[in-house]
C-alpha atoms as a PDB file:
ATOM      1  CA  UNK A   1     -59.869  -2.144 -11.744  1.00  0.00           C
ATOM      2  CA  UNK A   2     -56.072  -2.144 -11.932  1.00  0.00           C
ATOM      3  CA  UNK A   3     -54.009   0.446  -9.772  1.00  0.00           C
ATOM      4  CA  UNK A   4     -50.414   1.411  -9.753  1.00  0.00           C
ATOM      5  CA  UNK A   5     -48.785   0.727  -6.173  1.00  0.00           C
ATOM      6  CA  UNK A   6     -47.224   3.550  -4.213  1.00  0.00           C
ATOM      7  CA  UNK A   7     -45.152   2.580  -0.892  1.00  0.00           C
ATOM      8  CA  UNK A   8     -48.017   4.249   1.128  1.00  0.00           C
ATOM      9  CA  UNK A   9     -51.018   2.689   0.084  1.00  0.00           C
ATOM     10  CA  UNK A  10     -50.542  -1.269  -0.214  1.00  0.00           C
ATOM     11  CA  UNK A  11     -52.043  -1.708   3.396  1.00  0.00           C
ATOM     12  CA  UNK A  12     -55.238   0.576   2.169  1.00  0.00           C
ATOM     13  CA  UNK A  13     -55.633  -1.159  -0.940  1.00  0.00           C
ATOM     14  CA  UNK A  14     -55.806  -4.363   0.782  1.00  0.00           C
ATOM     15  CA  UNK A  15     -58.115  -3.175   3.827  1.00  0.00           C
ATOM     16  CA  UNK A  16     -60.633  -1.807   1.584  1.00  0.00           C
ATOM     17  CA  UNK A  17     -60.833  -4.694  -1.158  1.00  0.00           C
ATOM     18  CA  UNK A  18     -61.957  -8.030  -0.738  1.00  0.00           C
ATOM     19  CA  UNK A  19     -59.644  -9.641  -3.220  1.00  0.00           C
ATOM     20  CA  UNK A  20     -56.221  -8.181  -4.106  1.00  0.00           C
ATOM     21  CA  UNK A  21     -53.864  -9.440  -6.947  1.00  0.00           C
ATOM     22  CA  UNK A  22     -50.333  -7.536  -6.919  1.00  0.00           C
ATOM     23  CA  UNK A  23     -48.165  -7.996 -10.019  1.00  0.00           C
ATOM     24  CA  UNK A  24     -44.590  -7.506  -8.938  1.00  0.00           C
ATOM     25  CA  UNK A  25     -42.394  -6.227 -12.195  1.00  0.00           C
ATOM     26  CA  UNK A  26     -39.460  -4.560 -13.316  1.00  0.00           C
ATOM     27  CA  UNK A  27     -38.713  -3.007 -16.644  1.00  0.00           C
ATOM     28  CA  UNK A  28     -35.825  -5.366 -17.319  1.00  0.00           C
ATOM     29  CA  UNK A  29     -37.881  -8.224 -16.473  1.00  0.00           C
ATOM     30  CA  UNK A  30     -39.204  -9.925 -19.866  1.00  0.00           C
ATOM     31  CA  UNK A  31     -41.433 -12.358 -18.199  1.00  0.00           C
ATOM     32  CA  UNK A  32     -42.937  -9.343 -16.380  1.00  0.00           C
ATOM     33  CA  UNK A  33     -43.194  -7.512 -19.725  1.00  0.00           C
ATOM     34  CA  UNK A  34     -44.990 -10.340 -21.272  1.00  0.00           C
ATOM     35  CA  UNK A  35     -47.428 -10.808 -18.456  1.00  0.00           C
ATOM     36  CA  UNK A  36     -48.298  -7.216 -17.632  1.00  0.00           C
ATOM     37  CA  UNK A  37     -50.888  -6.917 -20.939  1.00  0.00           C
ATOM     38  CA  UNK A  38     -52.048 -10.185 -19.588  1.00  0.00           C
ATOM     39  CA  UNK A  39     -52.927  -8.968 -16.240  1.00  0.00           C
ATOM     40  CA  UNK A  40     -54.188  -5.679 -17.598  1.00  0.00           C
ATOM     41  CA  UNK A  41     -56.686  -7.971 -19.813  1.00  0.00           C
ATOM     42  CA  UNK A  42     -57.597 -10.104 -16.769  1.00  0.00           C
ATOM     43  CA  UNK A  43     -58.317  -7.002 -14.766  1.00  0.00           C
ATOM     44  CA  UNK A  44     -60.476  -5.688 -17.349  1.00  0.00           C
ATOM     45  CA  UNK A  45     -62.766  -8.831 -17.368  1.00  0.00           C
ATOM     46  CA  UNK A  46     -62.775  -9.110 -13.544  1.00  0.00           C
ATOM     47  CA  UNK A  47     -64.126  -6.005 -12.128  1.00  0.00           C
ATOM     48  CA  UNK A  48     -64.821  -7.568  -8.887  1.00  0.00           C
ATOM     49  CA  UNK A  49     -61.046  -8.184  -8.226  1.00  0.00           C
ATOM     50  CA  UNK A  50     -58.670  -5.177  -7.448  1.00  0.00           C
ATOM     51  CA  UNK A  51     -55.195  -5.508  -9.374  1.00  0.00           C
ATOM     52  CA  UNK A  52     -51.938  -3.820  -8.424  1.00  0.00           C
ATOM     53  CA  UNK A  53     -48.972  -3.291 -10.219  1.00  0.00           C
ATOM     54  CA  UNK A  54     -45.829  -3.009  -8.201  1.00  0.00           C
ATOM     55  CA  UNK A  55     -42.756  -1.599  -9.748  1.00  0.00           C
ATOM     56  CA  UNK A  56     -39.689  -3.342  -7.956  1.00  0.00           C
ATOM     57  CA  UNK A  57     -37.332  -0.911  -9.269  1.00  0.00           C
ATOM     58  CA  UNK A  58     -39.527   2.042  -7.885  1.00  0.00           C
ATOM     59  CA  UNK A  59     -39.547   0.437  -4.353  1.00  0.00           C
ATOM     60  CA  UNK A  60     -36.686  -2.110  -4.173  1.00  0.00           C
ATOM     61  CA  UNK A  61     -36.493  -2.159  -0.418  1.00  0.00           C
ATOM     62  CA  UNK A  62     -39.973  -4.195   0.141  1.00  0.00           C
ATOM     63  CA  UNK A  63     -39.070  -4.790   3.795  1.00  0.00           C
ATOM     64  CA  UNK A  64     -40.864  -1.271   4.328  1.00  0.00           C
ATOM     65  CA  UNK A  65     -44.071  -2.509   2.779  1.00  0.00           C
ATOM     66  CA  UNK A  66     -46.426  -3.523   5.471  1.00  0.00           C
ATOM     67  CA  UNK A  67     -47.994  -7.026   5.291  1.00  0.00           C
END
């Protein structure tokens, strides 16, 4: 499963899933653009792991994200 992260739901996603993989990305990041389809493919193959894509441009102040 793959989810788009919103600032309000990171703690909830982590609390309600056994294993969570977060990909932090930005539209200007070449490596991020290369990895995004690979992460999506991996998410399709591993149904027991929750994958989250976090747009670093959408939420630049990561200090607000709960640990």
